[in-house]
Amino acid sequence: MVKTVACPTCGKPVPWMPESRWRPFCSEHCRLIDLGDWLAEHHRISGPEDEGAGSQSEGDGEQQPPH
């Protein structure tokens, strides 16, 4: 039995096998849509600066009183 995954763009089932050229996407079209979303920054991976939103950046030298 071949494992299938849902295309991240459209949800269409995609067989997870070497012959599935665009996996995990169902087609080049869906792959390019996803790439465009990353380039337009609609998707992002959170990093240390995102976790401390509202806190001071390092090396500032000043400390703010606790709220």
PDB file of N, CA and C in Angstrom:
ATOM      1  N   MET A   1       0.845  -1.180   0.000  1.00  0.00           N
ATOM      2  CA  MET A   1       0.000   0.000   0.000  1.00  0.00           C
ATOM      3  C   MET A   1       0.894   1.249   0.000  1.00  0.00           C
ATOM      4  N   VAL A   2       0.575   2.207  -0.839  1.00  0.00           N
ATOM      5  CA  VAL A   2       1.343   3.439  -0.970  1.00  0.00           C
ATOM      6  C   VAL A   2       0.773   4.484  -0.017  1.00  0.00           C
ATOM      7  N   LYS A   3       1.668   5.100   0.737  1.00  0.00           N
ATOM      8  CA  LYS A   3       1.251   6.160   1.652  1.00  0.00           C
ATOM      9  C   LYS A   3       0.916   7.400   0.843  1.00  0.00           C
ATOM     10  N   THR A   4      -0.137   8.103   1.229  1.00  0.00           N
ATOM     11  CA  THR A   4      -0.486   9.363   0.577  1.00  0.00           C
ATOM     12  C   THR A   4      -0.458  10.481   1.608  1.00  0.00           C
ATOM     13  N   VAL A   5      -0.125  11.672   1.137  1.00  0.00           N
ATOM     14  CA  VAL A   5      -0.140  12.877   1.971  1.00  0.00           C
ATOM     15  C   VAL A   5      -0.990  13.922   1.263  1.00  0.00           C
ATOM     16  N   ALA A   6      -1.485  14.865   2.008  1.00  0.00           N
ATOM     17  CA  ALA A   6      -2.283  15.940   1.418  1.00  0.00           C
ATOM     18  C   ALA A   6      -1.351  17.027   0.891  1.00  0.00           C
ATOM     19  N   CYS A   7      -1.611  17.507  -0.301  1.00  0.00           N
ATOM     20  CA  CYS A   7      -0.844  18.617  -0.872  1.00  0.00           C
ATOM     21  C   CYS A   7      -1.006  19.815   0.066  1.00  0.00           C
ATOM     22  N   PRO A   8       0.104  20.439   0.501  1.00  0.00           N
ATOM     23  CA  PRO A   8       0.006  21.565   1.421  1.00  0.00           C
ATOM     24  C   PRO A   8      -0.754  22.770   0.856  1.00  0.00           C
ATOM     25  N   THR A   9      -0.855  22.859  -0.465  1.00  0.00           N
ATOM     26  CA  THR A   9      -1.516  24.009  -1.075  1.00  0.00           C
ATOM     27  C   THR A   9      -3.005  23.771  -1.299  1.00  0.00           C
ATOM     28  N   CYS A  10      -3.342  22.642  -1.941  1.00  0.00           N
ATOM     29  CA  CYS A  10      -4.750  22.422  -2.297  1.00  0.00           C
ATOM     30  C   CYS A  10      -5.421  21.274  -1.548  1.00  0.00           C
ATOM     31  N   GLY A  11      -4.634  20.440  -0.871  1.00  0.00           N
ATOM     32  CA  GLY A  11      -5.213  19.349  -0.103  1.00  0.00           C
ATOM     33  C   GLY A  11      -5.421  18.065  -0.880  1.00  0.00           C
ATOM     34  N   LYS A  12      -5.146  18.062  -2.167  1.00  0.00           N
ATOM     35  CA  LYS A  12      -5.306  16.873  -3.003  1.00  0.00           C
ATOM     36  C   LYS A  12      -4.357  15.770  -2.526  1.00  0.00           C
ATOM     37  N   PRO A  13      -4.800  14.492  -2.513  1.00  0.00           N
ATOM     38  CA  PRO A  13      -3.915  13.418  -2.070  1.00  0.00           C
ATOM     39  C   PRO A  13      -2.748  13.207  -3.046  1.00  0.00           C
ATOM     40  N   VAL A  14      -1.548  13.030  -2.484  1.00  0.00           N
ATOM     41  CA  VAL A  14      -0.338  12.835  -3.275  1.00  0.00           C
ATOM     42  C   VAL A  14       0.323  11.543  -2.807  1.00  0.00           C
ATOM     43  N   PRO A  15       0.569  10.589  -3.716  1.00  0.00           N
ATOM     44  CA  PRO A  15       1.277   9.369  -3.310  1.00  0.00           C
ATOM     45  C   PRO A  15       2.716   9.694  -2.929  1.00  0.00           C
ATOM     46  N   TRP A  16       3.163   9.176  -1.781  1.00  0.00           N
ATOM     47  CA  TRP A  16       4.526   9.437  -1.309  1.00  0.00           C
ATOM     48  C   TRP A  16       5.445   8.351  -1.863  1.00  0.00           C
ATOM     49  N   MET A  17       5.954   8.624  -3.061  1.00  0.00           N
ATOM     50  CA  MET A  17       6.846   7.686  -3.732  1.00  0.00           C
ATOM     51  C   MET A  17       7.776   8.454  -4.662  1.00  0.00           C
ATOM     52  N   PRO A  18       8.930   7.886  -5.025  1.00  0.00           N
ATOM     53  CA  PRO A  18       9.896   8.596  -5.871  1.00  0.00           C
ATOM     54  C   PRO A  18       9.309   9.104  -7.194  1.00  0.00           C
ATOM     55  N   GLU A  19       8.313   8.433  -7.714  1.00  0.00           N
ATOM     56  CA  GLU A  19       7.713   8.840  -8.980  1.00  0.00           C
ATOM     57  C   GLU A  19       6.875  10.109  -8.864  1.00  0.00           C
ATOM     58  N   SER A  20       6.522  10.484  -7.642  1.00  0.00           N
ATOM     59  CA  SER A  20       5.742  11.716  -7.435  1.00  0.00           C
ATOM     60  C   SER A  20       6.714  12.889  -7.478  1.00  0.00           C
ATOM     61  N   ARG A  21       6.868  13.461  -8.630  1.00  0.00           N
ATOM     62  CA  ARG A  21       7.910  14.447  -8.899  1.00  0.00           C
ATOM     63  C   ARG A  21       7.855  15.678  -7.987  1.00  0.00           C
ATOM     64  N   TRP A  22       6.680  16.154  -7.670  1.00  0.00           N
ATOM     65  CA  TRP A  22       6.551  17.421  -6.931  1.00  0.00           C
ATOM     66  C   TRP A  22       6.233  17.224  -5.452  1.00  0.00           C
ATOM     67  N   ARG A  23       6.341  16.007  -4.952  1.00  0.00           N
ATOM     68  CA  ARG A  23       5.944  15.750  -3.558  1.00  0.00           C
ATOM     69  C   ARG A  23       6.634  16.694  -2.588  1.00  0.00           C
ATOM     70  N   PRO A  24       6.005  17.172  -1.586  1.00  0.00           N
ATOM     71  CA  PRO A  24       4.674  16.825  -1.114  1.00  0.00           C
ATOM     72  C   PRO A  24       3.541  17.538  -1.857  1.00  0.00           C
ATOM     73  N   PHE A  25       3.877  18.296  -2.904  1.00  0.00           N
ATOM     74  CA  PHE A  25       2.850  18.993  -3.679  1.00  0.00           C
ATOM     75  C   PHE A  25       2.313  18.092  -4.775  1.00  0.00           C
ATOM     76  N   CYS A  26       1.106  18.373  -5.238  1.00  0.00           N
ATOM     77  CA  CYS A  26       0.517  17.552  -6.293  1.00  0.00           C
ATOM     78  C   CYS A  26       1.005  17.959  -7.673  1.00  0.00           C
ATOM     79  N   SER A  27       1.510  19.180  -7.800  1.00  0.00           N
ATOM     80  CA  SER A  27       1.938  19.669  -9.112  1.00  0.00           C
ATOM     81  C   SER A  27       2.941  20.806  -8.948  1.00  0.00           C
ATOM     82  N   GLU A  28       3.583  21.164 -10.044  1.00  0.00           N
ATOM     83  CA  GLU A  28       4.498  22.299 -10.019  1.00  0.00           C
ATOM     84  C   GLU A  28       3.739  23.581  -9.695  1.00  0.00           C
ATOM     85  N   HIS A  29       2.508  23.679 -10.171  1.00  0.00           N
ATOM     86  CA  HIS A  29       1.686  24.864  -9.904  1.00  0.00           C
ATOM     87  C   HIS A  29       1.528  25.088  -8.394  1.00  0.00           C
ATOM     88  N   CYS A  30       1.157  24.039  -7.658  1.00  0.00           N
ATOM     89  CA  CYS A  30       0.989  24.170  -6.206  1.00  0.00           C
ATOM     90  C   CYS A  30       2.323  24.458  -5.528  1.00  0.00           C
ATOM     91  N   ARG A  31       3.402  23.895  -6.029  1.00  0.00           N
ATOM     92  CA  ARG A  31       4.727  24.156  -5.467  1.00  0.00           C
ATOM     93  C   ARG A  31       5.098  25.625  -5.629  1.00  0.00           C
ATOM     94  N   LEU A  32       4.806  26.188  -6.806  1.00  0.00           N
ATOM     95  CA  LEU A  32       5.132  27.588  -7.066  1.00  0.00           C
ATOM     96  C   LEU A  32       4.254  28.544  -6.256  1.00  0.00           C
ATOM     97  N   ILE A  33       3.021  28.167  -6.019  1.00  0.00           N
ATOM     98  CA  ILE A  33       2.146  28.979  -5.155  1.00  0.00           C
ATOM     99  C   ILE A  33       2.747  29.053  -3.761  1.00  0.00           C
ATOM    100  N   ASP A  34       3.188  27.912  -3.239  1.00  0.00           N
ATOM    101  CA  ASP A  34       3.795  27.876  -1.910  1.00  0.00           C
ATOM    102  C   ASP A  34       5.089  28.689  -1.875  1.00  0.00           C
ATOM    103  N   LEU A  35       5.917  28.557  -2.890  1.00  0.00           N
ATOM    104  CA  LEU A  35       7.161  29.326  -2.965  1.00  0.00           C
ATOM    105  C   LEU A  35       6.861  30.826  -2.963  1.00  0.00           C
ATOM    106  N   GLY A  36       5.864  31.238  -3.729  1.00  0.00           N
ATOM    107  CA  GLY A  36       5.470  32.651  -3.765  1.00  0.00           C
ATOM    108  C   GLY A  36       5.020  33.150  -2.405  1.00  0.00           C
ATOM    109  N   ASP A  37       4.318  32.302  -1.647  1.00  0.00           N
ATOM    110  CA  ASP A  37       3.892  32.689  -0.305  1.00  0.00           C
ATOM    111  C   ASP A  37       5.094  32.896   0.617  1.00  0.00           C
ATOM    112  N   TRP A  38       6.114  32.053   0.499  1.00  0.00           N
ATOM    113  CA  TRP A  38       7.325  32.234   1.304  1.00  0.00           C
ATOM    114  C   TRP A  38       8.043  33.514   0.893  1.00  0.00           C
ATOM    115  N   LEU A  39       8.166  33.749  -0.401  1.00  0.00           N
ATOM    116  CA  LEU A  39       8.872  34.940  -0.871  1.00  0.00           C
ATOM    117  C   LEU A  39       8.148  36.226  -0.488  1.00  0.00           C
ATOM    118  N   ALA A  40       6.825  36.172  -0.434  1.00  0.00           N
ATOM    119  CA  ALA A  40       6.029  37.341  -0.041  1.00  0.00           C
ATOM    120  C   ALA A  40       5.922  37.457   1.490  1.00  0.00           C
ATOM    121  N   GLU A  41       6.593  36.542   2.195  1.00  0.00           N
ATOM    122  CA  GLU A  41       6.615  36.497   3.657  1.00  0.00           C
ATOM    123  C   GLU A  41       5.239  36.264   4.273  1.00  0.00           C
ATOM    124  N   HIS A  42       4.369  35.518   3.567  1.00  0.00           N
ATOM    125  CA  HIS A  42       3.101  35.098   4.161  1.00  0.00           C
ATOM    126  C   HIS A  42       3.333  33.929   5.111  1.00  0.00           C
ATOM    127  N   HIS A  43       4.414  33.185   4.885  1.00  0.00           N
ATOM    128  CA  HIS A  43       4.847  32.109   5.782  1.00  0.00           C
ATOM    129  C   HIS A  43       6.152  32.564   6.413  1.00  0.00           C
ATOM    130  N   ARG A  44       6.366  32.203   7.657  1.00  0.00           N
ATOM    131  CA  ARG A  44       7.642  32.499   8.280  1.00  0.00           C
ATOM    132  C   ARG A  44       7.874  31.542   9.437  1.00  0.00           C
ATOM    133  N   ILE A  45       9.126  31.323   9.728  1.00  0.00           N
ATOM    134  CA  ILE A  45       9.523  30.479  10.842  1.00  0.00           C
ATOM    135  C   ILE A  45       9.892  31.415  11.978  1.00  0.00           C
ATOM    136  N   SER A  46       9.259  31.221  13.129  1.00  0.00           N
ATOM    137  CA  SER A  46       9.533  32.119  14.243  1.00  0.00           C
ATOM    138  C   SER A  46      10.940  31.875  14.768  1.00  0.00           C
ATOM    139  N   GLY A  47      11.559  32.943  15.199  1.00  0.00           N
ATOM    140  CA  GLY A  47      12.905  32.878  15.746  1.00  0.00           C
ATOM    141  C   GLY A  47      12.955  33.580  17.077  1.00  0.00           C
ATOM    142  N   PRO A  48      14.135  33.701  17.637  1.00  0.00           N
ATOM    143  CA  PRO A  48      14.267  34.346  18.945  1.00  0.00           C
ATOM    144  C   PRO A  48      13.660  35.748  18.991  1.00  0.00           C
ATOM    145  N   GLU A  49      13.783  36.527  17.918  1.00  0.00           N
ATOM    146  CA  GLU A  49      13.241  37.878  17.937  1.00  0.00           C
ATOM    147  C   GLU A  49      11.723  37.880  17.940  1.00  0.00           C
ATOM    148  N   ASP A  50      11.079  36.822  17.404  1.00  0.00           N
ATOM    149  CA  ASP A  50       9.628  36.744  17.419  1.00  0.00           C
ATOM    150  C   ASP A  50       9.098  36.338  18.795  1.00  0.00           C
ATOM    151  N   GLU A  51       9.852  35.512  19.507  1.00  0.00           N
ATOM    152  CA  GLU A  51       9.410  35.029  20.812  1.00  0.00           C
ATOM    153  C   GLU A  51       9.383  36.142  21.846  1.00  0.00           C
ATOM    154  N   GLY A  52      10.287  37.098  21.739  1.00  0.00           N
ATOM    155  CA  GLY A  52      10.371  38.165  22.723  1.00  0.00           C
ATOM    156  C   GLY A  52       9.757  39.456  22.227  1.00  0.00           C
ATOM    157  N   ALA A  53       8.715  39.383  21.444  1.00  0.00           N
ATOM    158  CA  ALA A  53       8.093  40.597  20.920  1.00  0.00           C
ATOM    159  C   ALA A  53       7.722  41.516  22.068  1.00  0.00           C
ATOM    160  N   GLY A  54       8.141  42.750  21.951  1.00  0.00           N
ATOM    161  CA  GLY A  54       7.861  43.714  22.996  1.00  0.00           C
ATOM    162  C   GLY A  54       8.989  43.862  23.985  1.00  0.00           C
ATOM    163  N   SER A  55       9.941  42.937  23.980  1.00  0.00           N
ATOM    164  CA  SER A  55      11.090  43.072  24.877  1.00  0.00           C
ATOM    165  C   SER A  55      12.184  43.835  24.169  1.00  0.00           C
ATOM    166  N   GLN A  56      13.135  44.328  24.928  1.00  0.00           N
ATOM    167  CA  GLN A  56      14.221  45.107  24.345  1.00  0.00           C
ATOM    168  C   GLN A  56      15.187  44.223  23.595  1.00  0.00           C
ATOM    169  N   SER A  57      15.822  44.808  22.604  1.00  0.00           N
ATOM    170  CA  SER A  57      16.852  44.077  21.889  1.00  0.00           C
ATOM    171  C   SER A  57      18.112  44.075  22.729  1.00  0.00           C
ATOM    172  N   GLU A  58      18.987  43.074  22.496  1.00  0.00           N
ATOM    173  CA  GLU A  58      20.219  42.942  23.258  1.00  0.00           C
ATOM    174  C   GLU A  58      21.169  44.083  22.928  1.00  0.00           C
ATOM    175  N   GLY A  59      22.033  44.420  23.880  1.00  0.00           N
ATOM    176  CA  GLY A  59      23.048  45.424  23.643  1.00  0.00           C
ATOM    177  C   GLY A  59      22.537  46.835  23.727  1.00  0.00           C
ATOM    178  N   ASP A  60      21.326  47.035  24.173  1.00  0.00           N
ATOM    179  CA  ASP A  60      20.716  48.351  24.269  1.00  0.00           C
ATOM    180  C   ASP A  60      21.315  49.161  25.410  1.00  0.00           C
ATOM    181  N   GLY A  61      21.700  48.470  26.501  1.00  0.00           N
ATOM    182  CA  GLY A  61      22.333  49.164  27.612  1.00  0.00           C
ATOM    183  C   GLY A  61      21.344  49.674  28.646  1.00  0.00           C
ATOM    184  N   GLU A  62      20.096  49.857  28.276  1.00  0.00           N
ATOM    185  CA  GLU A  62      19.097  50.355  29.216  1.00  0.00           C
ATOM    186  C   GLU A  62      18.130  49.248  29.567  1.00  0.00           C
ATOM    187  N   GLN A  63      17.674  49.291  30.795  1.00  0.00           N
ATOM    188  CA  GLN A  63      16.670  48.318  31.218  1.00  0.00           C
ATOM    189  C   GLN A  63      15.400  49.064  31.565  1.00  0.00           C
ATOM    190  N   GLN A  64      14.298  48.440  31.239  1.00  0.00           N
ATOM    191  CA  GLN A  64      13.015  49.050  31.559  1.00  0.00           C
ATOM    192  C   GLN A  64      12.462  48.406  32.814  1.00  0.00           C
ATOM    193  N   PRO A  65      11.731  49.168  33.621  1.00  0.00           N
ATOM    194  CA  PRO A  65      11.155  48.598  34.827  1.00  0.00           C
ATOM    195  C   PRO A  65      10.102  47.556  34.470  1.00  0.00           C
ATOM    196  N   PRO A  66       9.916  46.549  35.321  1.00  0.00           N
ATOM    197  CA  PRO A  66       8.882  45.530  35.056  1.00  0.00           C
ATOM    198  C   PRO A  66       7.495  46.162  35.106  1.00  0.00           C
ATOM    199  N   HIS A  67       6.595  45.609  34.350  1.00  0.00           N
ATOM    200  CA  HIS A  67       5.228  46.125  34.288  1.00  0.00           C
ATOM    201  C   HIS A  67       4.351  45.504  35.323  1.00  0.00           C
TER     202      HIS A  67
END
